[in-house]
Amino acid sequence: TMKTKKRPYTPTPTPGPWRAVWLDDQNGWVLNDDGTYILEPILKDSESKCDPLAAKANLRLAAAAPDLLQAAIYALEFLPKTGSAQSDLRRAIAKAEGREP
């Protein structure tokens, strides 16, 4: 019998779309459409404070991540097969998928 090589477990992200939800200026979360909690930013800890406007911008970017990843994968079909745009996009996709060295 032939042995098959086991592939390492690679978790996949919670499906999008995601959305940023704010309770107040200091507390926000990213949820998916069915209300599943995805992440919560750390706005303050014992060593640093995050500007609330920057925290909101970061949370909006995180909430857009699934949509941005899908758009990047789709855009690869329309870019020239070589060039910096193609390599930058492939690198970003690899980073999002956890394949970055």
N, C-alpha and C. Protein backbone atom coordinates (compact mmCIF):
# COMPACT_ATOMS: atom_id res chain seq x y z
N THR A 1 0.83 -1.19 0.00
CA THR A 1 0.00 0.00 0.00
C THR A 1 0.87 1.25 0.00
N MET A 2 0.35 2.25 -0.61
CA MET A 2 1.08 3.51 -0.72
C MET A 2 0.69 4.43 0.43
N LYS A 3 1.69 5.00 1.08
CA LYS A 3 1.41 5.95 2.16
C LYS A 3 1.17 7.33 1.58
N THR A 4 0.18 7.99 2.12
CA THR A 4 -0.04 9.37 1.72
C THR A 4 0.56 10.28 2.77
N LYS A 5 1.16 11.34 2.29
CA LYS A 5 1.79 12.30 3.19
C LYS A 5 0.70 13.14 3.86
N LYS A 6 0.76 13.22 5.17
CA LYS A 6 -0.21 14.04 5.90
C LYS A 6 0.12 15.50 5.71
N ARG A 7 -0.90 16.25 5.39
CA ARG A 7 -0.72 17.70 5.28
C ARG A 7 -0.95 18.30 6.65
N PRO A 8 -0.16 19.32 7.00
CA PRO A 8 -0.37 19.96 8.30
C PRO A 8 -1.73 20.64 8.34
N TYR A 9 -2.33 20.67 9.51
CA TYR A 9 -3.62 21.34 9.69
C TYR A 9 -3.44 22.83 9.49
N THR A 10 -4.23 23.39 8.62
CA THR A 10 -4.20 24.82 8.37
C THR A 10 -5.60 25.36 8.63
N PRO A 11 -5.77 26.06 9.74
CA PRO A 11 -7.11 26.59 10.02
C PRO A 11 -7.50 27.64 8.99
N THR A 12 -8.76 27.71 8.71
CA THR A 12 -9.26 28.71 7.79
C THR A 12 -9.99 29.78 8.60
N PRO A 13 -10.00 31.01 8.12
CA PRO A 13 -10.67 32.06 8.87
C PRO A 13 -12.18 31.90 8.84
N THR A 14 -12.83 32.51 9.80
CA THR A 14 -14.29 32.54 9.82
C THR A 14 -14.77 33.24 8.55
N PRO A 15 -15.73 32.65 7.85
CA PRO A 15 -16.19 33.27 6.61
C PRO A 15 -16.74 34.69 6.84
N GLY A 16 -16.53 35.53 5.84
CA GLY A 16 -17.07 36.89 5.89
C GLY A 16 -18.46 36.90 5.33
N PRO A 17 -19.07 38.03 5.20
CA PRO A 17 -18.46 39.32 5.54
C PRO A 17 -18.41 39.55 7.04
N TRP A 18 -17.47 40.39 7.43
CA TRP A 18 -17.33 40.82 8.82
C TRP A 18 -17.74 42.28 8.92
N ARG A 19 -18.06 42.72 10.12
CA ARG A 19 -18.39 44.13 10.32
C ARG A 19 -17.86 44.59 11.67
N ALA A 20 -17.48 45.87 11.71
CA ALA A 20 -17.03 46.48 12.96
C ALA A 20 -18.25 47.01 13.70
N VAL A 21 -18.33 46.74 14.99
CA VAL A 21 -19.44 47.19 15.82
C VAL A 21 -18.84 47.91 17.03
N TRP A 22 -19.33 49.11 17.30
CA TRP A 22 -18.80 49.90 18.41
C TRP A 22 -19.85 50.08 19.50
N LEU A 23 -19.45 49.81 20.74
CA LEU A 23 -20.30 50.06 21.90
C LEU A 23 -20.17 51.52 22.32
N ASP A 24 -18.93 52.00 22.30
CA ASP A 24 -18.63 53.39 22.64
C ASP A 24 -17.27 53.73 22.05
N ASP A 25 -16.68 54.86 22.44
CA ASP A 25 -15.39 55.26 21.88
C ASP A 25 -14.24 54.34 22.26
N GLN A 26 -14.42 53.52 23.27
CA GLN A 26 -13.33 52.68 23.75
C GLN A 26 -13.53 51.19 23.49
N ASN A 27 -14.72 50.77 23.09
CA ASN A 27 -15.00 49.34 22.98
C ASN A 27 -15.64 48.99 21.64
N GLY A 28 -14.98 48.11 20.91
CA GLY A 28 -15.51 47.68 19.63
C GLY A 28 -15.13 46.24 19.37
N TRP A 29 -15.85 45.62 18.44
CA TRP A 29 -15.61 44.24 18.07
C TRP A 29 -15.77 44.07 16.58
N VAL A 30 -15.26 42.97 16.07
CA VAL A 30 -15.55 42.56 14.71
C VAL A 30 -16.41 41.31 14.83
N LEU A 31 -17.56 41.34 14.15
CA LEU A 31 -18.50 40.22 14.14
C LEU A 31 -18.74 39.79 12.70
N ASN A 32 -19.14 38.53 12.50
CA ASN A 32 -19.57 38.15 11.16
C ASN A 32 -21.08 38.34 11.08
N ASP A 33 -21.67 38.00 9.94
CA ASP A 33 -23.09 38.29 9.72
C ASP A 33 -24.03 37.60 10.69
N ASP A 34 -23.64 36.43 11.19
CA ASP A 34 -24.54 35.77 12.14
C ASP A 34 -24.25 36.17 13.59
N GLY A 35 -23.39 37.18 13.77
CA GLY A 35 -23.11 37.69 15.11
C GLY A 35 -21.98 36.99 15.84
N THR A 36 -21.29 36.08 15.14
CA THR A 36 -20.15 35.39 15.76
C THR A 36 -19.03 36.40 16.01
N TYR A 37 -18.52 36.38 17.23
CA TYR A 37 -17.42 37.25 17.64
C TYR A 37 -16.14 36.82 16.93
N ILE A 38 -15.49 37.77 16.22
CA ILE A 38 -14.26 37.47 15.49
C ILE A 38 -13.05 37.99 16.26
N LEU A 39 -13.06 39.26 16.64
CA LEU A 39 -11.95 39.81 17.40
C LEU A 39 -12.35 41.09 18.11
N GLU A 40 -11.53 41.44 19.07
CA GLU A 40 -11.69 42.68 19.83
C GLU A 40 -10.33 43.34 19.91
N PRO A 41 -10.22 44.62 19.58
CA PRO A 41 -8.92 45.27 19.66
C PRO A 41 -8.53 45.55 21.11
N ILE A 42 -7.25 45.60 21.34
CA ILE A 42 -6.74 46.02 22.65
C ILE A 42 -6.48 47.52 22.55
N LEU A 43 -7.33 48.29 23.19
CA LEU A 43 -7.18 49.74 23.11
C LEU A 43 -6.27 50.28 24.19
N LYS A 44 -6.27 49.64 25.32
CA LYS A 44 -5.40 50.06 26.42
C LYS A 44 -4.87 48.82 27.11
N ASP A 45 -3.62 48.86 27.45
CA ASP A 45 -3.05 47.82 28.29
C ASP A 45 -2.09 48.48 29.27
N SER A 46 -1.39 47.69 30.02
CA SER A 46 -0.54 48.26 31.05
C SER A 46 0.65 49.03 30.50
N GLU A 47 1.00 48.81 29.22
CA GLU A 47 2.19 49.44 28.67
C GLU A 47 1.91 50.52 27.63
N SER A 48 0.72 50.55 27.06
CA SER A 48 0.49 51.52 26.00
C SER A 48 -0.98 51.90 25.92
N LYS A 49 -1.22 52.96 25.22
CA LYS A 49 -2.58 53.39 24.93
C LYS A 49 -2.68 53.59 23.43
N CYS A 50 -3.77 53.13 22.89
CA CYS A 50 -4.00 53.28 21.45
C CYS A 50 -4.95 54.45 21.24
N ASP A 51 -4.62 55.31 20.31
CA ASP A 51 -5.49 56.40 19.96
C ASP A 51 -6.84 55.82 19.50
N PRO A 52 -7.97 56.27 20.07
CA PRO A 52 -9.27 55.71 19.70
C PRO A 52 -9.58 55.82 18.20
N LEU A 53 -9.15 56.91 17.55
CA LEU A 53 -9.41 57.04 16.12
C LEU A 53 -8.60 56.00 15.33
N ALA A 54 -7.36 55.77 15.75
CA ALA A 54 -6.55 54.74 15.09
C ALA A 54 -7.14 53.35 15.36
N ALA A 55 -7.63 53.13 16.56
CA ALA A 55 -8.24 51.84 16.89
C ALA A 55 -9.46 51.58 16.02
N LYS A 56 -10.28 52.61 15.81
CA LYS A 56 -11.45 52.44 14.95
C LYS A 56 -11.03 52.15 13.50
N ALA A 57 -10.01 52.85 13.03
CA ALA A 57 -9.52 52.61 11.67
C ALA A 57 -8.97 51.19 11.54
N ASN A 58 -8.24 50.73 12.54
CA ASN A 58 -7.69 49.37 12.52
C ASN A 58 -8.81 48.33 12.53
N LEU A 59 -9.85 48.59 13.33
CA LEU A 59 -10.96 47.65 13.41
C LEU A 59 -11.73 47.60 12.09
N ARG A 60 -11.91 48.75 11.45
CA ARG A 60 -12.58 48.76 10.14
C ARG A 60 -11.77 47.98 9.12
N LEU A 61 -10.45 48.14 9.14
CA LEU A 61 -9.58 47.40 8.22
C LEU A 61 -9.68 45.90 8.48
N ALA A 62 -9.66 45.50 9.74
CA ALA A 62 -9.79 44.08 10.08
C ALA A 62 -11.14 43.54 9.60
N ALA A 63 -12.20 44.32 9.78
CA ALA A 63 -13.53 43.87 9.37
C ALA A 63 -13.61 43.70 7.85
N ALA A 64 -12.83 44.46 7.11
CA ALA A 64 -12.83 44.38 5.64
C ALA A 64 -11.95 43.24 5.12
N ALA A 65 -11.17 42.61 5.98
CA ALA A 65 -10.18 41.61 5.54
C ALA A 65 -10.74 40.51 4.65
N PRO A 66 -11.85 39.85 4.99
CA PRO A 66 -12.34 38.79 4.09
C PRO A 66 -12.70 39.31 2.70
N ASP A 67 -13.31 40.48 2.65
CA ASP A 67 -13.68 41.07 1.36
C ASP A 67 -12.44 41.45 0.56
N LEU A 68 -11.45 42.02 1.24
CA LEU A 68 -10.21 42.41 0.56
C LEU A 68 -9.47 41.18 0.03
N LEU A 69 -9.44 40.10 0.80
CA LEU A 69 -8.77 38.88 0.36
C LEU A 69 -9.45 38.32 -0.89
N GLN A 70 -10.76 38.24 -0.87
CA GLN A 70 -11.48 37.73 -2.04
C GLN A 70 -11.26 38.61 -3.26
N ALA A 71 -11.26 39.92 -3.06
CA ALA A 71 -11.02 40.85 -4.17
C ALA A 71 -9.61 40.68 -4.72
N ALA A 72 -8.63 40.47 -3.84
CA ALA A 72 -7.25 40.28 -4.28
C ALA A 72 -7.10 39.00 -5.09
N ILE A 73 -7.73 37.93 -4.63
CA ILE A 73 -7.66 36.66 -5.36
C ILE A 73 -8.31 36.83 -6.74
N TYR A 74 -9.43 37.50 -6.79
CA TYR A 74 -10.13 37.74 -8.05
C TYR A 74 -9.28 38.61 -8.98
N ALA A 75 -8.65 39.65 -8.44
CA ALA A 75 -7.87 40.59 -9.25
C ALA A 75 -6.67 39.92 -9.91
N LEU A 76 -6.14 38.85 -9.32
CA LEU A 76 -5.00 38.15 -9.91
C LEU A 76 -5.30 37.69 -11.34
N GLU A 77 -6.55 37.36 -11.61
CA GLU A 77 -6.93 36.88 -12.94
C GLU A 77 -6.74 37.95 -14.01
N PHE A 78 -6.77 39.20 -13.62
CA PHE A 78 -6.78 40.30 -14.59
C PHE A 78 -5.46 41.05 -14.67
N LEU A 79 -4.52 40.72 -13.82
CA LEU A 79 -3.22 41.38 -13.85
C LEU A 79 -2.27 40.64 -14.78
N PRO A 80 -1.31 41.36 -15.34
CA PRO A 80 -0.27 40.66 -16.12
C PRO A 80 0.41 39.61 -15.23
N LYS A 81 0.82 38.52 -15.83
CA LYS A 81 1.39 37.40 -15.07
C LYS A 81 2.73 37.74 -14.43
N THR A 82 3.34 38.81 -14.82
CA THR A 82 4.60 39.24 -14.22
C THR A 82 4.47 40.70 -13.83
N GLY A 83 5.37 41.14 -13.00
CA GLY A 83 5.38 42.54 -12.61
C GLY A 83 5.17 42.71 -11.12
N SER A 84 5.41 43.92 -10.67
CA SER A 84 5.36 44.18 -9.23
C SER A 84 3.95 44.08 -8.67
N ALA A 85 2.93 44.49 -9.42
CA ALA A 85 1.56 44.40 -8.91
C ALA A 85 1.18 42.94 -8.65
N GLN A 86 1.51 42.07 -9.57
CA GLN A 86 1.23 40.64 -9.43
C GLN A 86 1.96 40.06 -8.21
N SER A 87 3.25 40.36 -8.08
CA SER A 87 4.03 39.81 -6.97
C SER A 87 3.59 40.41 -5.63
N ASP A 88 3.27 41.70 -5.61
CA ASP A 88 2.78 42.32 -4.37
C ASP A 88 1.47 41.69 -3.93
N LEU A 89 0.58 41.47 -4.88
CA LEU A 89 -0.72 40.88 -4.56
C LEU A 89 -0.57 39.44 -4.09
N ARG A 90 0.28 38.68 -4.76
CA ARG A 90 0.52 37.30 -4.33
C ARG A 90 1.12 37.25 -2.92
N ARG A 91 2.03 38.16 -2.63
CA ARG A 91 2.64 38.22 -1.30
C ARG A 91 1.59 38.57 -0.24
N ALA A 92 0.71 39.52 -0.54
CA ALA A 92 -0.35 39.89 0.41
C ALA A 92 -1.32 38.74 0.64
N ILE A 93 -1.67 38.03 -0.42
CA ILE A 93 -2.57 36.88 -0.28
C ILE A 93 -1.91 35.80 0.57
N ALA A 94 -0.64 35.51 0.31
CA ALA A 94 0.09 34.52 1.09
C ALA A 94 0.12 34.91 2.57
N LYS A 95 0.33 36.18 2.84
CA LYS A 95 0.35 36.67 4.22
C LYS A 95 -1.00 36.45 4.87
N ALA A 96 -2.08 36.78 4.17
CA ALA A 96 -3.44 36.61 4.71
C ALA A 96 -3.77 35.15 4.94
N GLU A 97 -3.23 34.28 4.11
CA GLU A 97 -3.52 32.85 4.23
C GLU A 97 -2.53 32.10 5.13
N GLY A 98 -1.59 32.82 5.74
CA GLY A 98 -0.64 32.20 6.64
C GLY A 98 0.47 31.44 5.95
N ARG A 99 0.73 31.75 4.69
CA ARG A 99 1.78 31.08 3.93
C ARG A 99 3.02 31.93 3.82
N GLU A 100 3.08 33.01 4.54
CA GLU A 100 4.23 33.90 4.50
C GLU A 100 5.38 33.29 5.28
N PRO A 101 6.59 33.34 4.70
CA PRO A 101 7.74 32.74 5.42
C PRO A 101 8.05 33.49 6.71
